[in-house]
Amino acid sequence: MEDVDGLVGHRTQLADQGFRLAAGLSLSRTKVLQALAGRGAVHQVELAAALGQAPRSVTQSVEGLQRLALISRTSHPEDRRRKTVELTPAGRTAGRPHRSPNNAAALS
């Protein structure tokens, strides 16, 4: 039974990955969404540190997610270089695992 459970879990992960790629969500963008879901609004430098990524890499992901309206980014009132990022309602939805009716049937 463990083999079947493992196969279903693997197929579900592949379906989630396919859904995210179709929606323009690379693995790095998905990691940003997940990190923000667990933290709320954070400064972009802190987000990079939490993800263990270079700030420039996170900036590229953040810019892409902002274009997709999945996050919002605001400047600090006194230091315009410092950006705070947070999920939009659409970003909170996109960060959740996708379950199609076929996946739900396979899991029950």
Protein backbone atom coordinates (compact mmCIF):
# COMPACT_ATOMS: atom_id res chain seq x y z
CA MET A 1 0.00 0.00 0.00
CA GLU A 2 2.92 2.34 0.68
CA ASP A 3 3.98 2.03 -2.97
CA VAL A 4 0.51 3.13 -4.11
CA ASP A 5 0.47 6.00 -1.61
CA GLY A 6 3.92 7.06 -2.75
CA LEU A 7 2.89 6.92 -6.40
CA VAL A 8 -0.26 8.95 -5.74
CA GLY A 9 1.76 11.49 -3.76
CA HIS A 10 4.32 11.73 -6.55
CA ARG A 11 1.62 12.14 -9.22
CA THR A 12 -0.02 14.85 -7.10
CA GLN A 13 3.30 16.69 -6.81
CA LEU A 14 3.77 16.49 -10.58
CA ALA A 15 0.25 17.81 -11.15
CA ASP A 16 0.91 20.69 -8.73
CA GLN A 17 4.18 21.43 -10.51
CA GLY A 18 2.48 21.34 -13.93
CA PHE A 19 -0.27 23.65 -12.70
CA ARG A 20 2.22 26.13 -11.29
CA LEU A 21 4.35 26.11 -14.44
CA ALA A 22 1.25 26.69 -16.57
CA ALA A 23 0.36 29.62 -14.32
CA GLY A 24 3.85 31.14 -14.72
CA LEU A 25 5.08 29.91 -11.34
CA SER A 26 8.59 28.52 -11.47
CA LEU A 27 9.96 26.64 -8.50
CA SER A 28 11.72 29.79 -7.25
CA ARG A 29 8.51 31.84 -7.54
CA THR A 30 6.58 29.12 -5.74
CA LYS A 31 9.14 29.17 -2.92
CA VAL A 32 8.69 32.93 -2.59
CA LEU A 33 4.91 32.52 -2.36
CA GLN A 34 5.26 29.79 0.26
CA ALA A 35 7.74 31.83 2.30
CA LEU A 36 5.43 34.85 2.26
CA ALA A 37 2.44 32.69 3.21
CA GLY A 38 4.29 31.66 6.35
CA ARG A 39 5.56 35.13 7.26
CA GLY A 40 3.24 37.84 6.01
CA ALA A 41 4.75 41.13 4.85
CA VAL A 42 8.58 41.15 4.97
CA HIS A 43 11.43 43.22 3.65
CA GLN A 44 12.85 41.78 0.46
CA VAL A 45 16.35 41.36 1.97
CA GLU A 46 14.88 39.33 4.85
CA LEU A 47 12.97 37.20 2.33
CA ALA A 48 16.21 36.48 0.45
CA ALA A 49 17.93 35.48 3.68
CA ALA A 50 15.04 33.20 4.69
CA LEU A 51 15.17 31.49 1.30
CA GLY A 52 18.95 31.24 1.29
CA GLN A 53 19.07 33.00 -2.08
CA ALA A 54 20.95 35.98 -3.44
CA PRO A 55 18.94 39.20 -3.20
CA ARG A 56 19.07 39.65 -7.00
CA SER A 57 17.54 36.22 -7.56
CA VAL A 58 14.70 37.04 -5.19
CA THR A 59 14.23 40.42 -6.88
CA GLN A 60 13.69 38.66 -10.22
CA SER A 61 11.12 36.30 -8.70
CA VAL A 62 9.39 39.15 -6.89
CA GLU A 63 9.19 41.24 -10.05
CA GLY A 64 7.63 38.33 -11.94
CA LEU A 65 5.12 37.67 -9.17
CA GLN A 66 4.25 41.35 -9.04
CA ARG A 67 3.55 41.34 -12.80
CA LEU A 68 1.20 38.40 -12.20
CA ALA A 69 -0.51 40.40 -9.40
CA LEU A 70 0.33 37.68 -6.86
CA ILE A 71 2.32 39.96 -4.56
CA SER A 72 2.47 43.66 -3.82
CA ARG A 73 5.69 45.52 -3.23
CA THR A 74 5.99 48.87 -1.48
CA SER A 75 8.91 51.17 -0.79
CA HIS A 76 9.98 52.18 2.69
CA PRO A 77 8.93 55.81 3.32
CA GLU A 78 12.47 56.91 4.25
CA ASP A 79 14.62 54.50 2.21
CA ARG A 80 13.19 53.93 -1.26
CA ARG A 81 15.69 51.12 -1.91
CA ARG A 82 14.14 49.04 0.86
CA LYS A 83 11.10 47.11 -0.37
CA THR A 84 8.41 45.30 1.58
CA VAL A 85 6.60 42.46 -0.16
CA GLU A 86 3.38 40.68 0.75
CA LEU A 87 0.87 38.35 -0.86
CA THR A 88 -2.22 39.63 -2.58
CA PRO A 89 -5.45 37.61 -2.23
CA ALA A 90 -4.63 35.99 -5.60
CA GLY A 91 -1.15 35.17 -4.31
CA ARG A 92 -2.55 33.42 -1.24
CA THR A 93 -4.67 31.26 -3.53
CA ALA A 94 -1.83 30.54 -5.96
CA GLY A 95 0.48 29.46 -3.15
CA ARG A 96 -1.85 26.65 -2.11
CA PRO A 97 -1.42 23.20 -3.65
CA HIS A 98 -3.70 22.64 -6.65
CA ARG A 99 -6.13 19.75 -6.49
CA SER A 100 -7.98 18.85 -9.63
CA PRO A 101 -11.07 16.62 -9.41
CA ASN A 102 -8.93 13.74 -10.76
CA ASN A 103 -6.34 14.22 -8.03
CA ALA A 104 -9.03 14.38 -5.35
CA ALA A 105 -10.54 11.12 -6.61
CA ALA A 106 -7.15 9.46 -6.62
CA LEU A 107 -6.55 10.51 -3.03
CA SER A 108 -9.87 9.23 -1.66
